[in-house]
Amino acid sequence: MSSTLLELTRAAHEDVERFERLIVKDLQNEPATNKDRLAQSHRVRHMIDQITSTTHKLVEIYEDKDNARKDEIAALGGQTATGTNVFSAFYDRLKEIREYHRRHPSARVLDTTDELEQLLEEEPQIEFSGEEAYGRYLDLHELYNDYINSKFGKQIDYTAYLDVFSQPHHIPRKLKMTRQYREYLSKMTEYLVYFLERTEPLQDLDRLFSKVTAEFEEQWANGKVDGWKDEAQENGHASEENEKIDLEYFSTVDELVAIGPEKLKEALGALGLKTGGTVQQRAERLFLTKHTPLEKLDKKHFAKGVRKPEQNGAQHQNDDSKQIALMEVKIEKLCEILSEKIMRTKENIEKKQAQIYEEIDAEREDEFKCEICGNYSYWGRRAYERHFKEFRHQYGMRRLGIPNTKNFNEITSIEEAQQLWERIKEKQGVNKWRPDLEEEYEDREGNIYNKKTYTDLQRQGLI
C-alpha cells in the first residue's frame, strides 16, 4: 500500500532513519587495516548518497507543485466537492485496502532491516593499479612522461617530479598559454580527483572546489594569485625590464635595436611572439605591435603552440589565463590534501631505487597463476592485475557461466568463483525457493494466501 503520497513520505523518512542508524553502527567499528578503512568509508559514502537521493524525493513531495499532497490530505479528511463527509472517506479507504489485499493475496509486510544490515558486511570493489598499492601511493608515471616530453617541463627524474608537480605556479607564464599545458592540467586534475574519490570517499569535493573558486576569484581580482601577479612575468618572476619597453617612445626600428637582443627577446616572449632571429629581426617584429593589434598580426609572427589572439584578443587571453590559473589553484589544493601520500610515494620510489639487482629481479619474477584461465601463469603483479580485463580471463568466466564483473577481481580459483556466484544469486533472490511466500493456503471462503500470511491471520483468529 505504498501507492499514496503520504505512505511514500512515511517510507522515505523511515529509510533515511535506517541508513543513519547503519552509518552510526558501521563507524563504531574501528577498521583493523587500510583495506578495511577504505571499505568502511565507501560503505558510508554509499549510504550517504542513498540518504541524499531519498531526501531530494522528499523535498519534491513537500514542495507539492501539483497540489497532489494537499488534495490527498483533504480527501483523508472527507472533503469533497459537495462538502465534508468523514465516514464516507473512511469507508472508501477501507474498501480500497480490502480490494488491494484481494488482488494481492500473497502480499506481506516487508522487514528490510535484515537486508540493510547486510550492507555492513559488503566489501566494495575499488580499482587500484599495482603502483597505487591499494591507495597507499600515487601513480603519476603517465603525467611524468607528459611533463618531461613537453616544452613547459624539464628533464628530471621521477622523484624530482614528485617534488615539483604540485607547484605549477613556478612554470614560466609564456609556456602556459598552450593547449598542451591546459590538457596536462586537466589530466592531472582528473587523476587527483579520481584518486581522492577512491581513497577518501567522504571528502566533499564539491564544497571544497566551491570554496577554492570563491577565494580564487577574490585573489584574481586583486592580482594576488601566485604565478599570475604580473602580466610581464617571465621565467617565474616579474620582469621589470619589460615594463620599460614602451613603444610610444620609439620612432624607428633602429632605435629599438639599441635596446639589445635580450630585452627584445623578453618583450617578444611576453607577447607570445617568436623570440628568435637577429637583433634586427627581433626589433622589426616587436615594432609591428606599435601600430598593429596582436589579433591582426599574421600568425607566422607567433611562437609555435601559442594561439593567435582574435578580435577582443586581450579579453580572450585574460579568460584563458584565468581558467589556467584556476586549474593550478585546484591542483595545489588537492596536493595539499594528499601531501602525506605524496611524501609516502616518494619514499617508496627511493626505496625501490635503492634495491639491488637481485631484489628487483626477484620481485619482477613473482609468478601468479589463474585456474580460471587454465592455470596460465602471469609474471609480475601488473600482468596479473591486467589479465582480469583481458580476453583469456573473460573467456574462462564465460565458460563457467559466471559474469566477469568487479566482484570477481582477485578470484583465480574456479571453486571460489562458483561459491561467490552462488552467494550473489542467493542475495539477489535468483532461483531461490521461498516456501513462506510461494506455498499457497486457502481458507473456508476460498481466499488464497501464502503460508506466512495465512499463519499470521490464523494466529490472530481472523480466519
Protein backbone atom coordinates (compact mmCIF):
# COMPACT_ATOMS: atom_id res chain seq x y z
CA MET A 1 0.00 0.00 0.00
CA SER A 2 2.78 2.40 -0.82
CA SER A 3 0.74 3.99 -3.63
CA THR A 4 -0.27 7.10 -1.71
CA LEU A 5 1.94 10.12 -1.31
CA LEU A 6 1.62 10.10 2.47
CA GLU A 7 2.70 6.47 2.61
CA LEU A 8 5.62 7.18 0.27
CA THR A 9 6.60 10.07 2.54
CA ARG A 10 6.47 7.88 5.65
CA ALA A 11 8.51 5.13 3.95
CA ALA A 12 11.11 7.63 2.75
CA HIS A 13 11.60 9.07 6.25
CA GLU A 14 11.92 5.56 7.61
CA ASP A 15 14.60 4.71 5.03
CA VAL A 16 16.57 7.84 5.95
CA GLU A 17 16.48 6.92 9.64
CA ARG A 18 17.55 3.34 8.91
CA PHE A 19 20.54 4.48 6.86
CA GLU A 20 21.52 6.95 9.59
CA ARG A 21 21.49 4.18 12.20
CA LEU A 22 23.52 1.92 9.91
CA ILE A 23 26.14 4.65 9.40
CA VAL A 24 26.49 5.12 13.16
CA LYS A 25 26.75 1.37 13.68
CA ASP A 26 29.40 1.00 10.97
CA LEU A 27 31.50 3.90 12.23
CA GLN A 28 31.52 2.46 15.74
CA ASN A 29 33.75 -0.35 14.45
CA GLU A 30 37.44 0.60 14.25
CA PRO A 31 38.95 -0.76 10.98
CA ALA A 32 41.93 -3.05 11.54
CA THR A 33 43.68 -2.40 8.21
CA ASN A 34 43.86 0.22 5.47
CA LYS A 35 41.75 -2.04 3.26
CA ASP A 36 39.07 -2.28 5.96
CA ARG A 37 39.13 1.50 6.40
CA LEU A 38 38.58 2.05 2.69
CA ALA A 39 35.74 -0.48 2.60
CA GLN A 40 34.06 1.21 5.57
CA SER A 41 34.42 4.69 4.04
CA HIS A 42 32.91 3.54 0.74
CA ARG A 43 30.00 1.83 2.50
CA VAL A 44 29.28 5.02 4.45
CA ARG A 45 29.59 7.09 1.26
CA HIS A 46 27.09 4.82 -0.47
CA MET A 47 24.60 5.18 2.41
CA ILE A 48 25.05 8.97 2.47
CA ASP A 49 24.26 9.02 -1.26
CA GLN A 50 21.12 6.98 -0.58
CA ILE A 51 20.06 9.45 2.12
CA THR A 52 20.71 12.39 -0.22
CA SER A 53 18.72 10.80 -3.04
CA THR A 54 15.79 9.98 -0.74
CA THR A 55 15.85 13.47 0.75
CA HIS A 56 15.62 15.05 -2.71
CA LYS A 57 12.49 12.98 -3.34
CA LEU A 58 11.02 14.13 -0.02
CA VAL A 59 11.70 17.76 -0.89
CA GLU A 60 9.79 17.33 -4.16
CA ILE A 61 6.84 15.79 -2.29
CA TYR A 62 6.75 18.59 0.30
CA GLU A 63 7.02 21.30 -2.37
CA ASP A 64 3.79 19.83 -3.76
CA LYS A 65 3.94 21.74 -7.03
CA ASP A 66 0.95 19.85 -8.45
CA ASN A 67 -1.06 20.06 -5.16
CA ALA A 68 -1.34 16.26 -5.11
CA ARG A 69 -0.32 16.04 -1.44
CA LYS A 70 -2.75 18.80 -0.48
CA ASP A 71 -5.59 17.04 -2.30
CA GLU A 72 -4.73 13.71 -0.66
CA ILE A 73 -4.79 15.22 2.84
CA ALA A 74 -8.12 16.89 2.06
CA ALA A 75 -9.53 13.59 0.80
CA LEU A 76 -8.46 11.83 4.01
CA GLY A 77 -10.42 14.45 5.93
CA GLY A 78 -13.51 13.64 3.92
CA GLN A 79 -13.56 16.87 1.94
CA THR A 80 -15.37 16.57 -1.39
CA ALA A 81 -16.81 18.94 -3.94
CA THR A 82 -20.20 18.73 -2.20
CA GLY A 83 -18.95 19.10 1.35
CA THR A 84 -17.27 17.14 4.14
CA ASN A 85 -18.16 13.52 4.95
CA VAL A 86 -15.63 11.86 7.28
CA PHE A 87 -17.38 8.47 7.44
CA SER A 88 -17.70 8.21 3.68
CA ALA A 89 -13.96 8.88 3.32
CA PHE A 90 -13.18 6.24 5.99
CA TYR A 91 -15.22 3.50 4.33
CA ASP A 92 -13.92 4.38 0.88
CA ARG A 93 -10.39 3.96 2.21
CA LEU A 94 -11.30 0.67 3.93
CA LYS A 95 -12.80 -0.61 0.70
CA GLU A 96 -9.64 0.37 -1.18
CA ILE A 97 -7.47 -1.55 1.31
CA ARG A 98 -9.64 -4.67 1.11
CA GLU A 99 -9.61 -4.53 -2.67
CA TYR A 100 -5.83 -4.25 -2.67
CA HIS A 101 -5.39 -7.34 -0.48
CA ARG A 102 -7.95 -9.24 -2.57
CA ARG A 103 -5.88 -8.57 -5.69
CA HIS A 104 -2.61 -9.32 -3.88
CA PRO A 105 -3.30 -12.22 -1.52
CA SER A 106 0.42 -13.02 -1.21
CA ALA A 107 1.33 -9.55 -0.07
CA ARG A 108 3.31 -9.39 3.15
CA VAL A 109 4.88 -6.78 5.35
CA LEU A 110 8.50 -6.46 4.32
CA ASP A 111 11.09 -6.12 7.02
CA THR A 112 14.08 -4.57 5.30
CA THR A 113 16.16 -4.36 8.47
CA ASP A 114 17.99 -7.63 7.84
CA GLU A 115 18.53 -6.73 4.20
CA LEU A 116 20.02 -3.36 5.09
CA GLU A 117 22.17 -4.95 7.80
CA GLN A 118 23.89 -6.92 5.04
CA LEU A 119 25.28 -3.63 3.75
CA LEU A 120 27.63 -3.61 6.74
CA GLU A 121 29.17 -6.88 5.57
CA GLU A 122 29.79 -5.79 1.98
CA GLU A 123 33.31 -5.20 0.70
CA PRO A 124 33.11 -2.61 -2.11
CA GLN A 125 35.28 -3.34 -5.14
CA ILE A 126 37.75 -0.46 -5.53
CA GLU A 127 40.07 -0.43 -8.53
CA PHE A 128 43.72 0.47 -7.97
CA SER A 129 46.75 -0.01 -10.19
CA GLY A 130 49.65 -2.11 -8.95
CA GLU A 131 51.69 1.05 -8.46
CA GLU A 132 48.99 2.57 -6.23
CA ALA A 133 49.15 -0.43 -3.85
CA TYR A 134 45.50 -0.16 -2.79
CA GLY A 135 45.64 3.60 -2.32
CA ARG A 136 48.90 3.88 -0.40
CA TYR A 137 50.77 5.60 -3.25
CA LEU A 138 50.00 7.77 -6.27
CA ASP A 139 50.75 6.57 -9.79
CA LEU A 140 51.90 9.68 -11.69
CA HIS A 141 54.09 7.97 -14.29
CA GLU A 142 51.87 8.90 -17.23
CA LEU A 143 51.75 12.55 -16.16
CA TYR A 144 55.50 12.46 -15.56
CA ASN A 145 56.09 11.31 -19.15
CA ASP A 146 53.84 14.13 -20.42
CA TYR A 147 55.83 16.62 -18.34
CA ILE A 148 59.33 15.65 -19.43
CA ASN A 149 58.27 15.49 -23.10
CA SER A 150 56.69 18.95 -23.12
CA LYS A 151 58.05 22.43 -23.67
CA PHE A 152 56.93 23.59 -20.24
CA GLY A 153 58.61 20.67 -18.45
CA LYS A 154 62.19 19.73 -17.68
CA GLN A 155 64.28 16.58 -18.00
CA ILE A 156 64.20 15.41 -14.39
CA ASP A 157 63.80 12.02 -12.74
CA TYR A 158 60.54 10.76 -11.25
CA THR A 159 61.42 11.53 -7.64
CA ALA A 160 62.25 15.14 -8.53
CA TYR A 161 58.93 15.36 -10.41
CA LEU A 162 57.10 14.34 -7.22
CA ASP A 163 58.57 17.48 -5.62
CA VAL A 164 57.59 19.94 -8.38
CA PHE A 165 54.33 18.70 -9.93
CA SER A 166 52.33 20.26 -7.07
CA GLN A 167 53.83 23.71 -7.76
CA PRO A 168 52.67 24.68 -11.28
CA HIS A 169 52.93 28.39 -10.45
CA HIS A 170 56.72 28.10 -10.84
CA ILE A 171 56.39 27.36 -14.58
CA PRO A 172 57.06 30.50 -16.73
CA ARG A 173 53.82 32.07 -17.88
CA LYS A 174 54.73 32.22 -21.56
CA LEU A 175 54.95 28.41 -21.56
CA LYS A 176 51.48 28.03 -20.06
CA MET A 177 49.40 29.61 -22.81
CA THR A 178 49.30 26.46 -24.92
CA ARG A 179 46.79 23.69 -25.49
CA GLN A 180 49.36 21.13 -24.37
CA TYR A 181 49.65 22.73 -20.93
CA ARG A 182 45.88 23.04 -20.48
CA GLU A 183 45.44 19.37 -21.37
CA TYR A 184 48.19 18.44 -18.91
CA LEU A 185 46.46 20.36 -16.08
CA SER A 186 43.10 18.88 -16.97
CA LYS A 187 44.54 15.37 -16.99
CA MET A 188 46.24 15.91 -13.63
CA THR A 189 43.10 17.34 -12.03
CA GLU A 190 41.08 14.38 -13.28
CA TYR A 191 43.55 11.86 -11.83
CA LEU A 192 43.88 13.57 -8.43
CA VAL A 193 40.10 13.84 -8.07
CA TYR A 194 39.66 10.19 -9.08
CA PHE A 195 42.35 9.14 -6.59
CA LEU A 196 40.69 11.10 -3.78
CA GLU A 197 37.28 9.64 -4.62
CA ARG A 198 38.76 6.16 -4.20
CA THR A 199 40.89 6.79 -1.10
CA GLU A 200 38.87 9.49 0.70
CA PRO A 201 35.26 8.93 -0.42
CA LEU A 202 33.90 11.02 2.47
CA GLN A 203 35.63 14.17 1.20
CA ASP A 204 33.08 16.72 -0.04
CA LEU A 205 34.92 17.79 -3.20
CA ASP A 206 32.05 19.95 -4.48
CA ARG A 207 32.13 22.09 -1.34
CA LEU A 208 35.94 22.13 -1.41
CA PHE A 209 36.09 23.38 -5.01
CA SER A 210 33.35 25.95 -4.35
CA LYS A 211 35.42 27.42 -1.53
CA VAL A 212 38.63 27.32 -3.60
CA THR A 213 36.89 29.06 -6.53
CA ALA A 214 35.45 31.79 -4.31
CA GLU A 215 38.85 32.52 -2.77
CA PHE A 216 40.47 32.43 -6.22
CA GLU A 217 38.02 35.00 -7.65
CA GLU A 218 38.90 37.43 -4.88
CA GLN A 219 42.66 36.90 -5.28
CA TRP A 220 42.46 37.15 -9.06
CA ALA A 221 40.58 40.45 -8.87
CA ASN A 222 43.30 41.80 -6.58
CA GLY A 223 46.14 40.37 -8.67
CA LYS A 224 47.38 38.13 -5.86
CA VAL A 225 47.31 34.67 -7.49
CA ASP A 226 50.73 33.01 -7.29
CA GLY A 227 52.42 32.91 -10.68
CA TRP A 228 49.99 35.44 -12.20
CA LYS A 229 50.69 38.58 -10.19
CA ASP A 230 52.28 40.48 -13.08
CA GLU A 231 51.38 40.24 -16.75
CA ALA A 232 55.01 40.66 -17.74
CA GLN A 233 56.12 37.64 -15.70
CA GLU A 234 58.93 35.69 -17.30
CA ASN A 235 60.90 32.70 -16.07
CA GLY A 236 58.89 32.59 -12.86
CA HIS A 237 59.40 36.20 -11.75
CA ALA A 238 58.22 39.65 -12.77
CA SER A 239 60.44 41.26 -15.37
CA GLU A 240 60.94 44.94 -14.71
CA GLU A 241 62.79 45.37 -17.99
CA ASN A 242 59.63 44.58 -19.99
CA GLU A 243 57.77 47.44 -18.33
CA LYS A 244 60.41 49.88 -19.64
CA ILE A 245 59.89 48.94 -23.30
CA ASP A 246 57.15 51.39 -24.12
CA LEU A 247 56.93 51.60 -27.91
CA GLU A 248 55.47 55.10 -27.73
CA TYR A 249 59.00 56.33 -27.09
CA PHE A 250 60.44 54.67 -30.21
CA SER A 251 60.01 56.10 -33.69
CA THR A 252 62.07 53.63 -35.73
CA VAL A 253 63.24 50.02 -35.68
CA ASP A 254 66.86 51.18 -35.36
CA GLU A 255 66.03 52.86 -32.05
CA LEU A 256 64.69 49.52 -30.79
CA VAL A 257 67.83 47.70 -31.94
CA ALA A 258 69.83 49.77 -29.48
CA ILE A 259 67.96 48.15 -26.58
CA GLY A 260 69.82 44.88 -27.13
CA PRO A 261 68.81 41.33 -28.08
CA GLU A 262 67.99 40.02 -24.58
CA LYS A 263 65.49 42.73 -23.68
CA LEU A 264 63.87 42.40 -27.09
CA LYS A 265 63.61 38.63 -26.59
CA GLU A 266 61.88 39.09 -23.23
CA ALA A 267 59.44 41.64 -24.63
CA LEU A 268 58.55 39.38 -27.58
CA GLY A 269 58.13 36.35 -25.31
CA ALA A 270 55.72 38.24 -23.07
CA LEU A 271 53.50 38.90 -26.10
CA GLY A 272 53.66 35.30 -27.33
CA LEU A 273 55.66 36.26 -30.42
CA LYS A 274 58.66 34.43 -31.83
CA THR A 275 61.86 35.36 -30.00
CA GLY A 276 64.43 34.03 -32.46
CA GLY A 277 66.39 35.72 -35.24
CA THR A 278 68.90 38.54 -35.32
CA VAL A 279 68.55 41.62 -33.16
CA GLN A 280 67.30 43.49 -36.26
CA GLN A 281 64.58 40.89 -36.92
CA ARG A 282 63.52 40.93 -33.29
CA ALA A 283 63.26 44.72 -33.31
CA GLU A 284 61.21 44.67 -36.54
CA ARG A 285 58.86 42.05 -35.10
CA LEU A 286 58.32 44.00 -31.90
CA PHE A 287 57.89 47.31 -33.74
CA LEU A 288 54.98 45.77 -35.69
CA THR A 289 52.94 45.77 -32.48
CA LYS A 290 53.19 49.55 -32.13
CA HIS A 291 50.59 50.25 -34.83
CA THR A 292 49.02 46.78 -35.32
CA PRO A 293 46.93 44.98 -32.64
CA LEU A 294 48.09 41.44 -31.85
CA GLU A 295 44.88 39.90 -33.20
CA LYS A 296 45.59 41.41 -36.64
CA LEU A 297 49.19 40.25 -36.90
CA ASP A 298 49.99 37.36 -39.24
CA LYS A 299 50.14 34.05 -37.38
CA LYS A 300 53.67 33.48 -38.69
CA HIS A 301 54.92 36.00 -36.13
CA PHE A 302 53.66 33.96 -33.16
CA ALA A 303 55.64 31.29 -31.35
CA LYS A 304 54.72 27.68 -32.08
CA GLY A 305 51.95 26.42 -29.81
CA VAL A 306 50.70 29.91 -28.96
CA ARG A 307 47.25 30.69 -30.34
CA LYS A 308 46.94 33.89 -32.30
CA PRO A 309 44.69 36.39 -30.45
CA GLU A 310 41.32 37.02 -32.10
CA GLN A 311 39.19 40.15 -32.02
CA ASN A 312 38.92 41.29 -28.42
CA GLY A 313 42.03 39.16 -28.02
CA ALA A 314 43.07 40.78 -24.76
CA GLN A 315 39.82 39.69 -23.13
CA HIS A 316 40.09 36.17 -24.57
CA GLN A 317 43.68 35.89 -23.40
CA ASN A 318 42.68 37.07 -19.94
CA ASP A 319 39.88 34.48 -19.78
CA ASP A 320 42.26 31.72 -20.85
CA SER A 321 44.80 32.84 -18.28
CA LYS A 322 42.13 32.84 -15.59
CA GLN A 323 40.98 29.30 -16.42
CA ILE A 324 44.54 28.01 -16.36
CA ALA A 325 45.28 29.80 -13.09
CA LEU A 326 42.12 28.31 -11.50
CA MET A 327 43.13 24.79 -12.52
CA GLU A 328 46.55 25.38 -10.98
CA VAL A 329 44.99 26.54 -7.71
CA LYS A 330 42.73 23.47 -7.61
CA ILE A 331 45.69 21.17 -8.21
CA GLU A 332 47.65 22.84 -5.41
CA LYS A 333 44.70 22.36 -3.03
CA LEU A 334 44.33 18.69 -3.98
CA CYS A 335 48.06 18.16 -3.48
CA GLU A 336 47.82 19.83 -0.09
CA ILE A 337 45.19 17.26 0.95
CA LEU A 338 47.31 14.44 -0.49
CA SER A 339 50.61 15.74 0.87
CA GLU A 340 51.14 12.74 3.14
CA LYS A 341 50.55 10.25 0.32
CA ILE A 342 52.84 12.24 -2.00
CA MET A 343 55.61 12.04 0.59
CA ARG A 344 54.94 8.33 1.08
CA THR A 345 55.06 7.80 -2.70
CA LYS A 346 58.44 9.48 -2.93
CA GLU A 347 59.81 7.39 -0.06
CA ASN A 348 58.56 4.24 -1.77
CA ILE A 349 60.23 5.18 -5.07
CA GLU A 350 63.51 5.98 -3.33
CA LYS A 351 63.32 2.66 -1.52
CA LYS A 352 62.86 0.84 -4.83
CA GLN A 353 65.78 2.70 -6.38
CA ALA A 354 67.96 1.52 -3.51
CA GLN A 355 67.17 -2.13 -4.17
CA ILE A 356 69.94 -4.33 -5.51
CA TYR A 357 69.55 -6.13 -8.82
CA GLU A 358 68.72 -9.48 -7.20
CA GLU A 359 65.84 -7.94 -5.21
CA ILE A 360 64.40 -6.21 -8.28
CA ASP A 361 64.75 -9.39 -10.35
CA ALA A 362 63.06 -11.49 -7.68
CA GLU A 363 60.15 -9.04 -7.44
CA ARG A 364 59.74 -8.92 -11.22
CA GLU A 365 59.66 -12.70 -11.48
CA ASP A 366 56.90 -13.25 -8.92
CA GLU A 367 54.59 -15.73 -10.62
CA PHE A 368 50.80 -15.63 -10.42
CA LYS A 369 48.63 -18.45 -11.74
CA CYS A 370 44.94 -18.31 -12.63
CA GLU A 371 42.97 -21.56 -12.56
CA ILE A 372 40.07 -19.90 -14.40
CA CYS A 373 42.44 -19.12 -17.30
CA GLY A 374 43.52 -22.76 -17.48
CA ASN A 375 46.37 -22.40 -14.95
CA TYR A 376 48.01 -19.80 -17.18
CA SER A 377 50.96 -18.06 -15.48
CA TYR A 378 51.33 -14.29 -15.25
CA TRP A 379 54.72 -12.82 -14.43
CA GLY A 380 54.68 -9.83 -12.12
CA ARG A 381 51.89 -8.09 -10.25
CA ARG A 382 50.94 -5.72 -13.08
CA ALA A 383 50.47 -8.50 -15.62
CA TYR A 384 48.41 -10.41 -13.05
CA GLU A 385 46.09 -7.42 -12.44
CA ARG A 386 45.77 -6.67 -16.15
CA HIS A 387 44.66 -10.20 -17.00
CA PHE A 388 41.32 -9.77 -15.19
CA LYS A 389 40.24 -7.44 -18.02
CA GLU A 390 41.69 -9.47 -20.86
CA PHE A 391 40.03 -11.97 -23.18
CA ARG A 392 41.59 -15.09 -21.67
CA HIS A 393 40.06 -14.47 -18.22
CA GLN A 394 36.75 -13.27 -19.68
CA TYR A 395 36.51 -16.47 -21.75
CA GLY A 396 37.25 -18.60 -18.67
CA MET A 397 34.50 -16.89 -16.67
CA ARG A 398 32.03 -17.22 -19.55
CA ARG A 399 32.87 -20.93 -19.80
CA LEU A 400 31.87 -21.28 -16.13
CA GLY A 401 28.60 -19.44 -16.80
CA ILE A 402 29.61 -16.58 -14.49
CA PRO A 403 29.58 -12.85 -15.43
CA ASN A 404 33.05 -11.28 -15.35
CA THR A 405 32.23 -8.37 -13.03
CA LYS A 406 34.27 -6.40 -10.50
CA ASN A 407 33.04 -8.78 -7.79
CA PHE A 408 35.39 -11.43 -9.17
CA ASN A 409 38.59 -9.37 -9.24
CA GLU A 410 41.42 -11.24 -7.48
CA ILE A 411 39.43 -14.51 -7.78
CA THR A 412 41.53 -17.11 -9.61
CA SER A 413 40.08 -20.34 -8.20
CA ILE A 414 37.16 -21.99 -10.02
CA GLU A 415 35.68 -23.18 -6.74
CA GLU A 416 35.89 -19.72 -5.13
CA ALA A 417 34.30 -18.11 -8.22
CA GLN A 418 31.40 -20.59 -8.18
CA GLN A 419 30.84 -20.16 -4.44
CA LEU A 420 30.84 -16.36 -4.76
CA TRP A 421 28.40 -16.55 -7.68
CA GLU A 422 26.03 -18.72 -5.60
CA ARG A 423 26.14 -16.18 -2.76
CA ILE A 424 25.40 -13.34 -5.18
CA LYS A 425 22.46 -15.24 -6.68
CA GLU A 426 21.13 -16.06 -3.25
CA LYS A 427 21.34 -12.43 -2.20
CA GLN A 428 19.55 -11.32 -5.38
CA GLY A 429 16.88 -13.98 -4.91
CA VAL A 430 17.74 -15.88 -8.10
CA ASN A 431 16.47 -19.48 -8.22
CA LYS A 432 15.63 -19.38 -4.52
CA TRP A 433 12.60 -21.27 -3.19
CA ARG A 434 10.76 -19.30 -0.55
CA PRO A 435 8.03 -21.50 0.94
CA ASP A 436 6.72 -18.78 3.25
CA LEU A 437 5.96 -16.66 0.17
CA GLU A 438 5.25 -19.18 -2.59
CA GLU A 439 3.44 -22.02 -0.78
CA GLU A 440 -0.34 -21.33 -1.03
CA TYR A 441 -3.10 -21.85 1.54
CA GLU A 442 -6.91 -21.48 1.14
CA ASP A 443 -9.45 -20.51 3.79
CA ARG A 444 -13.09 -21.63 4.03
CA GLU A 445 -14.26 -18.77 1.83
CA GLY A 446 -11.87 -19.69 -0.96
CA ASN A 447 -9.41 -16.84 -0.38
CA ILE A 448 -5.81 -17.72 -1.31
CA TYR A 449 -2.89 -16.73 0.97
CA ASN A 450 0.79 -17.54 1.13
CA LYS A 451 1.97 -19.57 4.12
CA LYS A 452 3.19 -16.62 6.18
CA THR A 453 0.04 -14.51 5.67
CA TYR A 454 -2.24 -17.49 6.36
CA THR A 455 -0.38 -18.33 9.58
CA ASP A 456 -0.48 -14.72 10.79
CA LEU A 457 -4.23 -14.35 10.16
CA GLN A 458 -4.93 -17.72 11.78
CA ARG A 459 -2.90 -16.76 14.85
CA GLN A 460 -4.97 -13.57 15.16
CA GLY A 461 -8.21 -15.54 14.91
CA LEU A 462 -9.30 -13.78 11.73
CA ILE A 463 -9.70 -16.98 9.71
